[in-house]
Every structure is written in C-alpha cells, then in structure tokens.
Protein backbone atom coordinates (compact mmCIF):
# COMPACT_ATOMS: atom_id res chain seq x y z
CA MET A 1 18.29 1.96 -9.64
CA SER A 2 14.60 1.66 -8.28
CA HIS A 3 11.42 1.48 -10.31
CA ILE A 4 9.09 1.64 -7.06
CA THR A 5 7.31 5.62 -7.57
CA VAL A 6 4.32 5.83 -4.47
CA GLU A 7 1.72 7.72 -5.29
CA GLN A 8 -1.16 9.78 -3.80
CA ARG A 9 -4.61 9.08 -5.09
CA ASP A 10 -7.82 9.18 -2.99
CA ASN A 11 -5.48 10.56 0.10
CA VAL A 12 -3.55 6.74 0.28
CA LEU A 13 -0.21 6.40 -0.68
CA VAL A 14 0.06 3.20 -3.37
CA VAL A 15 1.95 1.49 -5.82
CA ASP A 16 1.19 0.61 -9.31
CA SER A 17 1.84 -3.42 -9.29
CA ARG A 18 2.98 -2.65 -13.01
CA LEU A 19 6.49 -1.36 -10.89
CA VAL A 20 6.65 -3.77 -8.56
CA ALA A 21 6.01 -6.37 -10.53
CA GLN A 22 9.16 -5.17 -13.54
CA GLU A 23 11.30 -4.52 -10.43
CA LEU A 24 10.67 -7.64 -9.43
CA GLY A 25 11.59 -8.68 -13.04
CA ILE A 26 8.37 -11.15 -13.88
CA GLU A 27 6.02 -9.96 -16.58
CA HIS A 28 3.05 -8.25 -15.30
CA ARG A 29 0.64 -10.59 -16.04
CA SER A 30 2.27 -12.79 -13.94
CA PHE A 31 1.85 -10.57 -10.83
CA VAL A 32 -2.20 -9.75 -11.63
CA LYS A 33 -2.25 -13.58 -11.83
CA ALA A 34 -1.06 -13.92 -8.18
CA LEU A 35 -3.60 -10.90 -7.41
CA ASP A 36 -6.31 -12.65 -8.63
CA LYS A 37 -5.37 -15.38 -7.02
CA TYR A 38 -5.83 -13.95 -3.36
CA GLU A 39 -7.71 -11.23 -4.05
CA SER A 40 -10.59 -12.71 -1.42
CA HIS A 41 -7.74 -13.06 1.43
CA ILE A 42 -6.37 -9.41 0.25
CA GLU A 43 -9.55 -8.01 0.37
CA LYS A 44 -10.25 -9.45 4.02
CA GLU A 45 -7.17 -8.55 5.74
CA PHE A 46 -6.16 -5.74 4.06
CA GLY A 47 -8.86 -3.03 1.67
CA ILE A 48 -9.84 -3.62 -1.42
CA LEU A 49 -7.84 -4.34 -4.12
CA ARG A 50 -7.65 -1.21 -7.10
CA PHE A 51 -7.88 -2.22 -10.27
CA GLU A 52 -8.03 -0.14 -13.09
CA ILE A 53 -7.44 -0.32 -17.60
CA ALA A 54 -4.24 0.74 -18.45
CA GLU A 55 -4.52 3.08 -21.69
CA ILE A 56 -3.48 1.64 -24.70
CA LYS A 57 -1.70 3.51 -27.46
CA GLY A 58 -2.09 1.81 -30.95
CA ARG A 59 -3.77 -1.87 -31.14
CA GLY A 60 -4.64 -4.72 -28.75
CA GLN A 61 -5.29 -5.26 -25.79
CA PRO A 62 -5.35 -2.78 -23.02
CA ALA A 63 -3.51 -4.03 -19.58
CA ARG A 64 -5.45 -4.57 -16.08
CA PHE A 65 -3.25 -3.01 -13.02
CA ALA A 66 -3.74 -2.09 -9.57
CA TRP A 67 -3.06 0.36 -6.97
CA LEU A 68 -1.56 -1.27 -4.33
CA ALA A 69 -1.86 0.48 -0.54
CA GLU A 70 1.21 -0.53 1.29
CA ASP A 71 -0.17 -3.44 3.49
CA GLN A 72 -1.06 -4.68 -0.40
CA ALA A 73 1.88 -4.93 -1.50
CA ILE A 74 4.10 -5.21 1.49
CA PHE A 75 1.63 -9.08 1.61
CA VAL A 76 2.32 -10.09 -2.09
CA MET A 77 5.07 -9.08 -1.72
CA THR A 78 5.71 -12.32 0.90
CA LEU A 79 4.99 -14.42 -1.30
CA SER A 80 6.92 -14.45 -3.85
CA ARG A 81 10.56 -16.29 -2.93
CA ASN A 82 13.39 -14.23 -1.13
CA THR A 83 15.96 -14.16 -4.40
CA ASP A 84 18.34 -11.63 -4.48
CA GLN A 85 16.05 -9.38 -7.08
CA VAL A 86 13.15 -9.91 -4.86
CA VAL A 87 15.13 -8.95 -1.51
CA ARG A 88 16.45 -6.37 -2.80
CA CYS A 89 12.41 -4.64 -4.88
CA LYS A 90 10.87 -5.28 -1.19
CA ALA A 91 13.97 -2.80 0.71
CA ASN A 92 13.32 -0.52 -2.61
CA LEU A 93 9.39 -0.38 -2.04
CA VAL A 94 9.03 -0.13 2.37
CA LYS A 95 12.29 2.93 1.36
CA ALA A 96 9.64 4.32 -1.79
CA PHE A 97 6.62 4.46 0.65
CA SER A 98 8.71 5.58 3.92
CA ALA A 99 10.04 8.66 1.86
CA ALA A 100 6.41 9.57 0.46
CA LYS A 101 4.72 9.75 3.67
CA GLN A 102 8.05 11.66 4.81
CA GLN A 103 7.34 14.21 2.11
CA LEU A 104 3.32 14.42 2.87
CA GLN A 105 4.48 15.38 6.62
CA GLU A 106 6.83 18.17 5.21
CA CYS A 107 4.17 19.17 2.43
CA ASN A 108 1.23 19.04 5.59
CA GLY A 109 3.79 20.73 8.05
CA HIS A 110 2.91 18.32 11.41
CA GLN A 111 3.28 14.73 11.88
CA PRO A 112 0.42 12.30 10.47
CA GLN A 113 -2.57 12.13 13.02
CA PRO A 114 -3.85 8.35 13.36
CA GLU A 115 -6.65 7.19 12.05
CA SER A 116 -9.89 8.39 13.06
CA THR A 117 -10.77 5.10 14.93
CA ASP A 118 -7.91 5.07 16.86
CA ALA A 119 -8.84 8.83 17.88
CA MET A 120 -12.36 7.72 18.82
CA LYS A 121 -10.87 5.35 21.03
CA LEU A 122 -8.33 7.57 22.37
CA GLN A 123 -11.19 9.59 23.28
CA LEU A 124 -12.99 6.61 25.15
CA GLU A 125 -10.27 5.97 26.96
CA LEU A 126 -9.95 8.96 28.34
CA ALA A 127 -13.17 9.35 29.16
CA GLN A 128 -13.22 6.66 30.79
CA VAL A 129 -10.28 7.42 32.86
CA ALA A 130 -11.67 10.76 33.69
CA GLU A 131 -14.69 9.21 35.05
CA ARG A 132 -12.66 6.50 37.01
CA LEU A 133 -10.28 9.43 38.60
CA GLU A 134 -13.55 11.36 38.77
CA ALA A 135 -15.28 8.27 41.40
CA VAL A 136 -12.37 8.78 43.16
C-alpha cells in the first residue's frame, strides 16, 4: 500500500519528502542530502524547493523536509536506481498526483486552465493570425 499523498499548498500540488523517502525505503536524511546536492539544478529547472522544519514532539532535533512539486518529485525519483521498490514508488507518485489533479477538477467542476503564460501566448498567436487574415 502506498503512503504517498498529495496535497495542495499555495495552489500547488505537492508531496512531503518524508513520504517519498518512506516509500523509497530509504532514510529521510539521505533523501534530503540528495535534495541538497541537486538543489541548484532542481531550482533552475523546476522551481524553488520549499523546505520546512517539522515540529518535534518531546526532545530531539527537528527534521528539515521539503514540499515537492510534481516535477521536482519526479526528477528526484529519477536519480534513484530502478529497483522493484523504486519503480513501484515512481508509479505510486505518478498515480497520487494524477488522482489529486482529478479530484481538483471534480471539485472545481471544470477542466484546469492553462498557465497564464500559455494563455498569453495563445492570445498573441490569435492576434497575429487575425492580423494576417485582415491583410488578405
């Protein structure tokens, strides 16, 4: 059974790095080391990593974890060797994000809107096509 659950934070679907590490069968601190090692690459390609400090119960060092967006989580997962457990984890991650998107669509009652930059590109292309048609 998969422990991966996706939630929405600041209008972005994310997964807790602790859940991904658990699903991969590795220690979370090892997973965070991978995030730290590739942080600049991840942030350049897929956006800023959202690290938080977990609340602790009792004594001990609070754990640092990340809320990973879909692309970030998938990229980090590709860095792992494809053992049976890792392959299952990758599949579960994809399914969890797909289910979360589906649930959002059902709650919103419509299809997701394209990114604002995509919408602006489409509007610009439509305007250019309209200008060409008027010139004919």
